[in-house]
Amino acid sequence: MERYAIYRLLHLGGMFAMFMGLGGIALHVANGGTKASNTARKLLASVHGAALFVILLGGFGMLARLKLVQGGGLPGWIYLKLAIWVIMGAMGTVMYRAPKVARWMLVLLPLLGMAAAWIAVSKPI
């Protein structure tokens, strides 16, 4: 299998796992659960954290295969994707600290995912 395809699979698999972890947290908190009452908290946090790492690994691996990370700076669209990655990384904590946000995350998370996909496909800047 081509290396680019492997990095792409890692990137996509990481996204699926991240959405699974964040969805689990959002559903738990939206139903009135707390951080202390979440029996799967450690599992969800581990899945979320590992997924964030795999997303970066796959993403930068693809960039290296495309020769976009050699030399000067990165293209602007990569910074947009990194900003979305940081937001997604903070979402687990935000939902526990502001439970009213959790219901909105069930709508916002897929929209952020679609925004990230659009940025990757269209490379606007």
Foldseek 3Di string as FASTA:
>chain_A
DDQLVVLVVLLVVLLVLLCVLLLVLLVCLLVPHACVRDPCNVVSLVSNVVSLVSNVSSVVSNCVVVVQPPDDDHQPLVVVLVVLSVVSSCSSVVCNVPVVCSVVCVVVVVVSVVVNVCCVVVVPD
